[in-house]
Amino acid sequence: MIVAFKARINLGLALLVAALAAGCDFPADPEGTLDRVTRGTMRVGIIDDPPWVALEPGREPEGVEPELTRRFAETIGAEIEWVEGTESDLAAAMGGFQLDLMIGGLTRDFPYVDDVAMTRPYVDTELEIGVPPGGELPDELGGEEIYVERSSEASALLREEEDDAIGVPFDSLDEIDGPALLDTYDIDAIGYERTDYILRDDEHAMAVPLGENAFLVELEKFLLDRGEEAEDLLHEEVSR
């Protein structure tokens, strides 16, 4: 009797799950984002952050992510409305469902997680120390001069992690004349060699409104199939 009773319960649960699955779509968008932007208009918030996004007055946005966004828009037949702004302003607009997508060198540790949902990473880069061809780093960086972009997050990170190293500030890559703390794509661009002395790993992603899961899944499917395209675009941008 007990076995039969359990069997009836399991059958009932199976029928309930099947009924629920048949009666609803998953994933879904409470705000209908994917349905609205497909063959419609996609509102894209953009932050100036070369080489990911490059903005110049009177010109269409350039860089890795505007190009990826255009290619994604083509797959769903969408037009794009670009909206420029700061991280905080665009995140707030997205929290109120005024934007459909946000790009601009964002990473998975984006601080405005109460307002946006992040895609899974589509490409990784590192902030690491590069050296001239044939050069080497000592085991300890105490007293070593390391070129680092002036007044940058990288400069602060070097000071925090390697306070005995001597930061040499630079304003442009052509000023570098020795070991330098750079993004991996900049190391490659100036012909330096990577050392695997990594201070930060950056998992690049895009942001969508919270809860718009169908749109998020569609975008992720597109991005995760185009990791090599993203890397090629990145190399093209930094080599210009």
Protein backbone atom coordinates (compact mmCIF):
# COMPACT_ATOMS: atom_id res chain seq x y z
CA MET A 1 0.00 0.00 0.00
CA ILE A 2 2.78 2.42 0.87
CA VAL A 3 4.57 1.78 -2.40
CA ALA A 4 1.38 2.29 -4.39
CA PHE A 5 0.70 5.54 -2.51
CA LYS A 6 4.17 6.90 -3.36
CA ALA A 7 3.70 5.92 -6.98
CA ARG A 8 0.44 7.85 -7.17
CA ILE A 9 2.11 10.91 -5.62
CA ASN A 10 5.03 10.74 -8.07
CA LEU A 11 2.65 10.39 -10.99
CA GLY A 12 0.66 13.37 -9.76
CA LEU A 13 3.82 15.47 -9.45
CA ALA A 14 4.91 14.46 -12.94
CA LEU A 15 1.54 15.47 -14.37
CA LEU A 16 1.66 18.78 -12.50
CA VAL A 17 5.14 19.58 -13.80
CA ALA A 18 4.07 18.67 -17.34
CA ALA A 19 1.00 20.85 -17.06
CA LEU A 20 2.98 23.80 -15.77
CA ALA A 21 5.58 23.35 -18.51
CA ALA A 22 2.89 23.25 -21.17
CA GLY A 23 1.16 26.32 -19.80
CA CYS A 24 4.14 28.70 -19.59
CA ASP A 25 7.18 29.68 -21.58
CA PHE A 26 10.64 29.67 -20.02
CA PRO A 27 12.72 31.70 -20.04
CA ALA A 28 10.39 34.69 -20.20
CA ASP A 29 10.66 38.49 -20.19
CA PRO A 30 8.22 40.21 -17.82
CA GLU A 31 8.77 43.43 -19.79
CA GLY A 32 8.71 41.67 -23.17
CA THR A 33 12.20 42.87 -24.17
CA LEU A 34 13.06 40.20 -26.72
CA ASP A 35 9.69 40.41 -28.48
CA ARG A 36 9.83 44.21 -28.55
CA VAL A 37 13.36 44.58 -29.93
CA THR A 38 13.03 41.78 -32.49
CA ARG A 39 12.36 43.61 -35.77
CA GLY A 40 12.04 46.73 -33.61
CA THR A 41 14.42 49.15 -31.87
CA MET A 42 17.04 48.13 -29.29
CA ARG A 43 18.06 50.89 -26.88
CA VAL A 44 21.77 50.50 -26.09
CA GLY A 45 23.56 52.42 -23.34
CA ILE A 46 27.24 53.05 -24.16
CA ILE A 47 30.20 54.15 -22.05
CA ASP A 48 33.36 55.52 -23.65
CA ASP A 49 36.10 52.99 -22.86
CA PRO A 50 38.46 52.23 -25.78
CA PRO A 51 39.08 49.71 -27.24
CA TRP A 52 35.72 48.31 -26.09
CA VAL A 53 33.75 51.44 -26.98
CA ALA A 54 35.18 54.53 -28.69
CA LEU A 55 33.01 57.64 -28.91
CA GLU A 56 33.68 60.71 -31.03
CA PRO A 57 31.25 63.61 -31.55
CA GLY A 58 29.16 63.26 -34.67
CA ARG A 59 30.25 59.70 -35.40
CA GLU A 60 28.73 56.28 -34.85
CA PRO A 61 30.20 54.40 -31.86
CA GLU A 62 33.23 52.31 -32.72
CA GLY A 63 35.14 49.58 -30.92
CA VAL A 64 34.75 45.92 -30.10
CA GLU A 65 31.36 46.02 -28.43
CA PRO A 66 29.47 48.37 -30.78
CA GLU A 67 30.48 46.05 -33.61
CA LEU A 68 29.35 42.96 -31.70
CA THR A 69 26.11 44.76 -30.85
CA ARG A 70 25.48 45.55 -34.52
CA ARG A 71 26.05 41.92 -35.45
CA PHE A 72 23.67 40.78 -32.72
CA ALA A 73 21.05 43.29 -33.85
CA GLU A 74 21.25 41.86 -37.36
CA THR A 75 20.38 38.39 -36.07
CA ILE A 76 17.08 39.64 -34.62
CA GLY A 77 16.35 42.32 -37.22
CA ALA A 78 16.67 45.19 -34.74
CA GLU A 79 17.56 48.84 -35.25
CA ILE A 80 19.84 50.40 -32.62
CA GLU A 81 19.30 53.59 -30.63
CA TRP A 82 22.58 54.56 -28.94
CA VAL A 83 22.41 56.32 -25.55
CA GLU A 84 25.66 57.75 -24.13
CA GLY A 85 26.22 58.09 -20.40
CA THR A 86 28.13 57.14 -17.27
CA GLU A 87 28.00 53.76 -15.56
CA SER A 88 25.78 55.00 -12.76
CA ASP A 89 23.36 56.91 -15.00
CA LEU A 90 22.96 54.09 -17.50
CA ALA A 91 22.59 51.46 -14.78
CA ALA A 92 19.82 53.53 -13.19
CA ALA A 93 18.08 53.89 -16.56
CA MET A 94 18.33 50.15 -17.11
CA GLY A 95 16.93 49.52 -13.64
CA GLY A 96 13.84 51.41 -14.79
CA PHE A 97 13.68 49.45 -18.07
CA GLN A 98 14.59 52.49 -20.18
CA LEU A 99 17.48 50.61 -21.81
CA ASP A 100 17.71 47.12 -23.26
CA LEU A 101 21.48 46.64 -23.31
CA MET A 102 24.54 48.30 -21.79
CA ILE A 103 28.11 48.10 -23.07
CA GLY A 104 31.44 49.78 -22.42
CA GLY A 105 34.19 47.52 -21.13
CA LEU A 106 31.98 46.08 -18.40
CA THR A 107 33.20 43.07 -16.46
CA ARG A 108 31.52 40.47 -14.29
CA ASP A 109 32.35 42.47 -11.14
CA PHE A 110 30.22 45.42 -12.34
CA PRO A 111 29.06 47.13 -9.12
CA TYR A 112 25.44 47.93 -10.07
CA VAL A 113 24.05 44.41 -9.74
CA ASP A 114 20.84 45.70 -8.14
CA ASP A 115 19.93 47.35 -11.44
CA VAL A 116 21.26 45.02 -14.13
CA ALA A 117 21.92 41.38 -14.97
CA MET A 118 25.28 40.47 -16.48
CA THR A 119 25.80 38.01 -19.31
CA ARG A 120 28.28 35.22 -18.90
CA PRO A 121 31.80 36.33 -19.93
CA TYR A 122 32.38 36.27 -23.67
CA VAL A 123 36.12 37.07 -23.57
CA ASP A 124 38.78 37.27 -20.84
CA THR A 125 41.73 39.63 -20.57
CA GLU A 126 44.30 40.15 -17.83
CA LEU A 127 46.10 43.10 -16.30
CA GLU A 128 49.66 41.85 -16.11
CA ILE A 129 53.26 42.93 -16.36
CA GLY A 130 54.81 42.81 -19.80
CA VAL A 131 58.51 43.06 -20.62
CA PRO A 132 60.52 43.92 -23.73
CA PRO A 133 61.35 40.94 -25.97
CA GLY A 134 63.84 38.70 -24.19
CA GLY A 135 63.40 40.52 -20.90
CA GLU A 136 62.66 38.92 -17.54
CA LEU A 137 61.26 39.94 -14.19
CA PRO A 138 62.98 39.17 -10.90
CA ASP A 139 61.17 36.98 -8.39
CA GLU A 140 60.63 40.03 -6.18
CA LEU A 141 59.60 43.45 -7.50
CA GLY A 142 61.04 45.45 -4.61
CA GLY A 143 62.88 48.45 -6.09
CA GLU A 144 61.91 47.52 -9.67
CA GLU A 145 60.64 50.28 -11.96
CA ILE A 146 57.29 49.35 -13.52
CA TYR A 147 55.65 51.62 -16.08
CA VAL A 148 51.98 52.18 -15.30
CA GLU A 149 49.32 54.50 -16.73
CA ARG A 150 49.17 57.77 -14.82
CA SER A 151 46.37 58.13 -12.25
CA SER A 152 44.77 54.85 -13.35
CA GLU A 153 43.15 51.92 -11.60
CA ALA A 154 46.19 49.89 -12.64
CA SER A 155 48.45 52.36 -10.85
CA ALA A 156 46.44 52.00 -7.66
CA LEU A 157 46.47 48.20 -7.98
CA LEU A 158 50.26 48.11 -8.38
CA ARG A 159 50.66 50.22 -5.27
CA GLU A 160 48.27 47.99 -3.33
CA GLU A 161 49.71 44.66 -4.42
CA GLU A 162 53.39 45.52 -4.88
CA ASP A 163 54.07 48.56 -2.72
CA ASP A 164 57.86 48.05 -2.96
CA ALA A 165 57.79 48.42 -6.75
CA ILE A 166 58.47 51.87 -8.21
CA GLY A 167 55.62 53.01 -10.44
CA VAL A 168 56.76 55.07 -13.43
CA PRO A 169 53.74 56.97 -14.81
CA PHE A 170 53.08 57.19 -18.55
CA ASP A 171 50.42 58.96 -20.60
CA SER A 172 50.77 57.04 -23.87
CA LEU A 173 52.10 53.61 -24.75
CA ASP A 174 54.99 55.01 -26.79
CA GLU A 175 56.52 56.40 -23.57
CA ILE A 176 57.10 52.91 -22.14
CA ASP A 177 60.73 51.86 -21.93
CA GLY A 178 60.82 48.87 -19.61
CA PRO A 179 58.54 46.48 -17.71
CA ALA A 180 54.97 47.77 -17.70
CA LEU A 181 51.67 46.88 -16.09
CA LEU A 182 49.22 46.67 -19.00
CA ASP A 183 46.17 44.93 -20.33
CA THR A 184 47.18 41.85 -22.27
CA TYR A 185 46.00 43.36 -25.57
CA ASP A 186 48.24 46.42 -25.03
CA ILE A 187 51.18 44.13 -24.24
CA ASP A 188 50.64 42.43 -27.59
CA ALA A 189 50.12 45.74 -29.39
CA ILE A 190 53.53 47.16 -28.42
CA GLY A 191 55.35 43.91 -29.13
CA TYR A 192 56.13 43.10 -25.51
CA GLU A 193 56.09 39.63 -23.96
CA ARG A 194 53.73 38.48 -21.25
CA THR A 195 55.21 37.34 -17.95
CA ASP A 196 52.17 35.70 -16.33
CA TYR A 197 52.68 38.18 -13.49
CA ILE A 198 48.92 38.81 -13.38
CA LEU A 199 47.40 41.34 -11.00
CA ARG A 200 43.80 41.07 -12.21
CA ASP A 201 41.64 38.88 -14.42
CA ASP A 202 38.87 40.68 -16.33
CA GLU A 203 35.85 38.68 -17.50
CA HIS A 204 34.15 40.91 -20.07
CA ALA A 205 30.37 40.87 -20.26
CA MET A 206 27.36 42.97 -21.24
CA ALA A 207 24.45 44.09 -19.09
CA VAL A 208 20.68 43.70 -19.60
CA PRO A 209 17.68 44.59 -17.41
CA LEU A 210 17.03 42.37 -14.41
CA GLY A 211 14.54 39.60 -15.04
CA GLU A 212 14.52 39.82 -18.85
CA ASN A 213 15.68 36.23 -19.13
CA ALA A 214 14.61 35.43 -22.70
CA PHE A 215 16.55 38.43 -23.99
CA LEU A 216 19.52 37.53 -21.78
CA VAL A 217 19.59 33.95 -23.09
CA GLU A 218 19.37 35.11 -26.72
CA LEU A 219 22.25 37.56 -26.23
CA GLU A 220 24.37 35.00 -24.38
CA LYS A 221 23.89 32.43 -27.13
CA PHE A 222 25.14 34.99 -29.62
CA LEU A 223 28.15 36.10 -27.55
CA LEU A 224 29.31 32.65 -26.49
CA ASP A 225 29.48 31.58 -30.13
CA ARG A 226 31.68 34.55 -31.02
CA GLY A 227 34.62 34.50 -28.64
CA GLU A 228 37.11 34.30 -31.50
CA GLU A 229 35.37 37.13 -33.34
CA ALA A 230 35.62 39.28 -30.20
CA GLU A 231 39.34 38.57 -29.87
CA ASP A 232 39.92 39.40 -33.55
CA LEU A 233 38.03 42.68 -33.16
CA LEU A 234 40.06 43.48 -30.05
CA HIS A 235 43.35 42.95 -31.85
CA GLU A 236 42.16 45.09 -34.77
CA GLU A 237 41.21 47.95 -32.44
CA VAL A 238 44.46 48.07 -30.49
CA SER A 239 46.62 47.79 -33.61
CA ARG A 240 45.12 50.90 -35.23
